Protein backbone atom coordinates (compact mmCIF):
# COMPACT_ATOMS: atom_id res chain seq x y z
CA UNK A 1 -6.25 -2.11 -5.29
CA UNK A 2 -8.55 0.70 -6.29
CA UNK A 3 -7.32 2.93 -9.10
CA UNK A 4 -7.00 6.64 -8.32
CA UNK A 5 -7.52 8.98 -11.24
CA UNK A 6 -4.48 11.16 -12.02
CA UNK A 7 -6.71 14.26 -12.14
CA UNK A 8 -8.23 13.61 -8.71
CA UNK A 9 -8.75 16.79 -6.65
CA UNK A 10 -6.81 15.08 -3.85
CA UNK A 11 -3.40 15.77 -5.42
CA UNK A 12 -0.33 13.80 -4.33
CA UNK A 13 1.93 15.09 -1.60
CA UNK A 14 4.96 16.98 -3.04
CA UNK A 15 7.20 14.05 -2.03
CA UNK A 16 5.34 11.79 -4.48
CA UNK A 17 5.55 14.29 -7.31
CA UNK A 18 9.29 14.75 -6.76
CA UNK A 19 9.96 11.03 -6.59
CA UNK A 20 7.80 10.27 -9.63
CA UNK A 21 9.79 12.71 -11.74
CA UNK A 22 12.89 10.56 -11.39
CA UNK A 23 11.28 7.18 -11.19
CA UNK A 24 12.30 6.23 -14.70
CA UNK A 25 15.92 5.90 -13.57
CA UNK A 26 15.16 4.45 -10.14
CA UNK A 27 16.05 0.82 -9.51
CA UNK A 28 13.55 -1.53 -7.85
CA UNK A 29 14.02 -1.91 -4.07
CA UNK A 30 16.75 -4.42 -3.19
CA UNK A 31 15.90 -7.52 -1.20
CA UNK A 32 16.75 -6.03 2.20
CA UNK A 33 14.64 -2.95 1.46
CA UNK A 34 11.67 -5.05 0.31
CA UNK A 35 11.91 -7.21 3.43
CA UNK A 36 11.92 -4.08 5.59
CA UNK A 37 8.79 -2.80 3.83
CA UNK A 38 6.93 -6.10 4.14
CA UNK A 39 8.00 -6.68 7.73
CA UNK A 40 6.90 -3.19 8.75
CA UNK A 41 3.53 -3.45 6.97
CA UNK A 42 2.79 -6.92 8.33
CA UNK A 43 3.48 -5.83 11.92
CA UNK A 44 1.99 -2.33 11.90
CA UNK A 45 -0.65 -2.08 9.13
CA UNK A 46 -3.62 -1.64 11.55
CA UNK A 47 -1.98 1.15 13.55
CA UNK A 48 -0.79 2.91 10.40
CA UNK A 49 -4.32 2.80 8.99
CA UNK A 50 -5.49 4.19 12.33
CA UNK A 51 -3.08 7.11 11.96
CA UNK A 52 -4.39 7.79 8.46
CA UNK A 53 -7.99 7.79 9.69
CA UNK A 54 -7.14 10.13 12.55
CA UNK A 55 -6.16 12.85 10.09
CA UNK A 56 -8.67 12.06 7.32
CA UNK A 57 -12.23 13.16 6.68
CA UNK A 58 -13.47 9.69 5.79
CA UNK A 59 -12.39 6.09 5.41
CA UNK A 60 -11.77 6.27 1.65
CA UNK A 61 -9.45 9.25 2.08
CA UNK A 62 -7.57 7.42 4.84
CA UNK A 63 -7.00 4.40 2.61
CA UNK A 64 -5.87 6.70 -0.21
CA UNK A 65 -3.32 8.35 2.10
CA UNK A 66 -2.16 4.95 3.37
CA UNK A 67 -1.55 3.67 -0.18
CA UNK A 68 0.39 6.81 -1.08
CA UNK A 69 2.57 6.43 2.00
CA UNK A 70 3.33 2.80 1.10
CA UNK A 71 4.32 3.89 -2.40
CA UNK A 72 6.82 6.36 -0.91
CA UNK A 73 8.10 3.68 1.46
CA UNK A 74 8.64 1.24 -1.42
CA UNK A 75 10.74 3.81 -3.27
CA UNK A 76 12.78 5.03 -0.30
CA UNK A 77 13.12 1.96 1.89
CA UNK A 78 16.79 1.50 1.03
CA UNK A 79 17.60 4.80 2.74
CA UNK A 80 15.38 4.33 5.81
CA UNK A 81 16.93 3.32 9.15
CA UNK A 82 15.29 -0.03 10.06
CA UNK A 83 15.28 0.92 13.75
CA UNK A 84 13.16 3.99 13.01
CA UNK A 85 11.18 2.73 10.02
CA UNK A 86 7.82 2.60 11.83
CA UNK A 87 8.09 6.15 13.14
CA UNK A 88 9.26 7.41 9.76
CA UNK A 89 6.39 5.69 7.94
CA UNK A 90 3.86 6.94 10.49
CA UNK A 91 5.00 10.51 9.81
CA UNK A 92 4.66 9.96 6.04
CA UNK A 93 1.15 8.54 6.55
CA UNK A 94 0.20 11.62 8.58
CA UNK A 95 1.56 14.01 5.92
CA UNK A 96 -0.25 12.17 3.13
CA UNK A 97 -3.52 12.13 5.10
CA UNK A 98 -3.27 15.88 5.67
CA UNK A 99 -2.55 16.43 1.95
CA UNK A 100 -5.57 14.36 0.93
CA UNK A 101 -7.68 16.18 3.53
CA UNK A 102 -6.65 19.58 2.14
CA UNK A 103 -7.55 18.49 -1.38
CA UNK A 104 -10.90 17.15 -0.23
CA UNK A 105 -11.77 20.40 1.58
CA UNK A 106 -10.98 22.36 -1.59
CA UNK A 107 -13.60 20.26 -3.36
CA UNK A 108 -16.43 20.15 -0.81
CA UNK A 109 -15.68 23.14 1.42
CA UNK A 110 -15.50 22.89 5.23
CA UNK A 111 -19.15 23.75 5.71
CA UNK A 112 -20.72 21.59 3.01
CA UNK A 113 -20.56 18.22 4.69
CA UNK A 114 -19.31 16.78 7.96
CA UNK A 115 -17.50 13.68 6.76
CA UNK A 116 -16.16 12.90 10.21
CA UNK A 117 -19.67 12.66 11.63
CA UNK A 118 -20.86 10.68 8.62
CA UNK A 119 -18.03 8.20 9.09
CA UNK A 120 -18.70 7.90 12.83
CA UNK A 121 -22.37 7.19 12.19
CA UNK A 122 -21.39 4.04 10.34
CA UNK A 123 -18.39 3.06 12.47
CA UNK A 124 -17.47 -0.58 12.19
CA UNK A 125 -17.75 -2.91 15.13
CA UNK A 126 -14.89 -4.82 16.72
CA UNK A 127 -15.46 -7.86 14.50
CA UNK A 128 -15.32 -5.79 11.30
CA UNK A 129 -12.14 -4.03 12.44
CA UNK A 130 -10.51 -7.36 13.32
CA UNK A 131 -11.42 -8.76 9.90
CA UNK A 132 -9.99 -5.68 8.23
CA UNK A 133 -6.71 -6.03 10.13
CA UNK A 134 -6.52 -9.68 9.14
CA UNK A 135 -7.08 -8.79 5.47
CA UNK A 136 -4.31 -6.17 5.63
CA UNK A 137 -1.89 -8.69 7.14
CA UNK A 138 -2.77 -11.33 4.53
CA UNK A 139 -2.35 -8.79 1.75
CA UNK A 140 1.11 -7.78 3.03
CA UNK A 141 2.17 -11.43 3.21
CA UNK A 142 0.91 -12.16 -0.30
CA UNK A 143 2.59 -9.02 -1.65
CA UNK A 144 5.89 -10.14 -0.17
CA UNK A 145 6.06 -13.13 -2.49
CA UNK A 146 5.73 -11.13 -5.71
CA UNK A 147 8.66 -10.08 -7.91
CA UNK A 148 9.91 -6.48 -7.37
CA UNK A 149 8.85 -5.41 -10.88
CA UNK A 150 5.36 -6.86 -10.33
CA UNK A 151 4.99 -4.89 -7.10
CA UNK A 152 6.13 -1.71 -8.80
CA UNK A 153 3.79 -2.14 -11.76
CA UNK A 154 0.79 -2.90 -9.53
CA UNK A 155 1.47 0.11 -7.29
CA UNK A 156 1.67 2.45 -10.29
CA UNK A 157 -1.48 0.95 -11.81
CA UNK A 158 -3.29 1.45 -8.51
CA UNK A 159 -2.21 5.09 -8.59
CA UNK A 160 -4.12 5.48 -11.85
CA UNK A 161 -1.31 5.41 -14.40
CA UNK A 162 -1.98 3.89 -17.83
CA UNK A 163 0.09 1.04 -19.23
CA UNK A 164 1.90 3.48 -21.52
CA UNK A 165 2.66 5.86 -18.65
CA UNK A 166 4.02 2.99 -16.55
CA UNK A 167 6.23 1.93 -19.47
CA UNK A 168 7.60 5.49 -19.74
CA UNK A 169 8.19 5.79 -15.98
CA UNK A 170 9.94 2.43 -15.63
CA UNK A 171 11.69 2.36 -18.99
CA UNK A 172 9.92 -0.89 -19.91
CA UNK A 173 8.17 -2.07 -23.06
CA UNK A 174 4.38 -2.14 -23.17
CA UNK A 175 4.58 -5.94 -23.29
CA UNK A 176 6.60 -6.08 -20.06
CA UNK A 177 4.16 -3.77 -18.29
CA UNK A 178 1.24 -5.93 -19.38
CA UNK A 179 3.04 -9.09 -18.25
CA UNK A 180 4.03 -7.66 -14.85
CA UNK A 181 0.50 -6.45 -14.10
CA UNK A 182 -1.23 -9.58 -15.39
CA UNK A 183 1.11 -12.07 -13.73
CA UNK A 184 1.49 -9.98 -10.58
CA UNK A 185 -2.26 -9.65 -10.10
CA UNK A 186 -2.78 -13.37 -10.71
CA UNK A 187 0.05 -14.35 -8.36
CA UNK A 188 -1.21 -11.98 -5.65
CA UNK A 189 -4.75 -13.37 -5.80
CA UNK A 190 -3.52 -16.98 -5.80
CA UNK A 191 -1.23 -16.44 -2.83
CA UNK A 192 -3.83 -14.46 -0.93
CA UNK A 193 -6.29 -17.33 -1.46
CA UNK A 194 -3.69 -19.83 -0.22
CA UNK A 195 -3.22 -17.83 2.97
CA UNK A 196 -6.94 -17.24 3.51
CA UNK A 197 -7.87 -20.89 2.89
CA UNK A 198 -5.16 -22.31 5.14
CA UNK A 199 -3.25 -24.07 2.35
CA UNK A 200 -0.22 -21.93 3.11
CA UNK A 201 -0.20 -23.26 6.69
CA UNK A 202 -0.44 -26.83 5.42
CA UNK A 203 2.61 -26.22 3.22
CA UNK A 204 4.68 -25.44 6.33
CA UNK A 205 3.40 -28.35 8.43
CA UNK A 206 6.35 -30.72 7.66
CA UNK A 207 8.86 -28.00 8.50
CA UNK A 208 7.17 -27.13 11.78
CA UNK A 209 6.94 -30.83 12.66
CA UNK A 210 10.65 -31.28 11.99
CA UNK A 211 11.48 -28.26 14.15
CA UNK A 212 9.31 -29.56 16.97
CA UNK A 213 11.18 -32.89 16.79
CA UNK A 214 14.51 -31.14 17.05
C-alpha cells in the first residue's frame, strides 16, 4: 500500500473527514461486515477500479480514490445492505474519484496537462490488465485472513497517518500500533505469497478430494 501524505492537494472527500473525526470511538467491523467487504472486493475489484479510472485524470488518482472508497466501506459496512453493497460502493468510488480529480485540477490547472491523453498513450494491454485483476483478487483474499485491528492499522498507515496519530485515532498504545502494523504487514505478505505460489491451493487439496468422494 502506498502512503498518501496528509497534506496532499487531493484532499479527502467530506465523508472521510467526518468519519475520521469519530474514529477513535468506532469499533472494528464485526465478522459479518468484514466478510461483506472482502466478498464484495474479491468479486468486483476490477470493475470498481474501472469506475475509478473513468472519473480520474490518471491511474494513480484512480487507485487513490479506490483506496479511499475501501476505507469508507470498511468503516460503514455494518450499515450497508448486502443486496445493494456493490452499487453503494460504486457510488462511493465515483464520489471519491471526482473529489481527487477536483483536487488535482486545483494543483495543475485544466489547461496545463492532459492527463487523460497521457494515460491513454501508455494504456496497458489485455495481459497487463488481467494480471492486475489477479493481483487485486489475491490481495483481497490475503487481506481477509488478517485480524480486524491489523486491517485497520494498515489502512490508516496507507492513508499517511503516523504511528502516534493512529494510536490517538484508535485509542491504542504506540506498542499496539507498531505490533498491528508489523505483524499485519508480515502476515499479508506471507499469505499473498502462499496464494501466488499455489501453496494455498495445496492446503485445500485434501478437503476438495474428500468432497469429491462424497
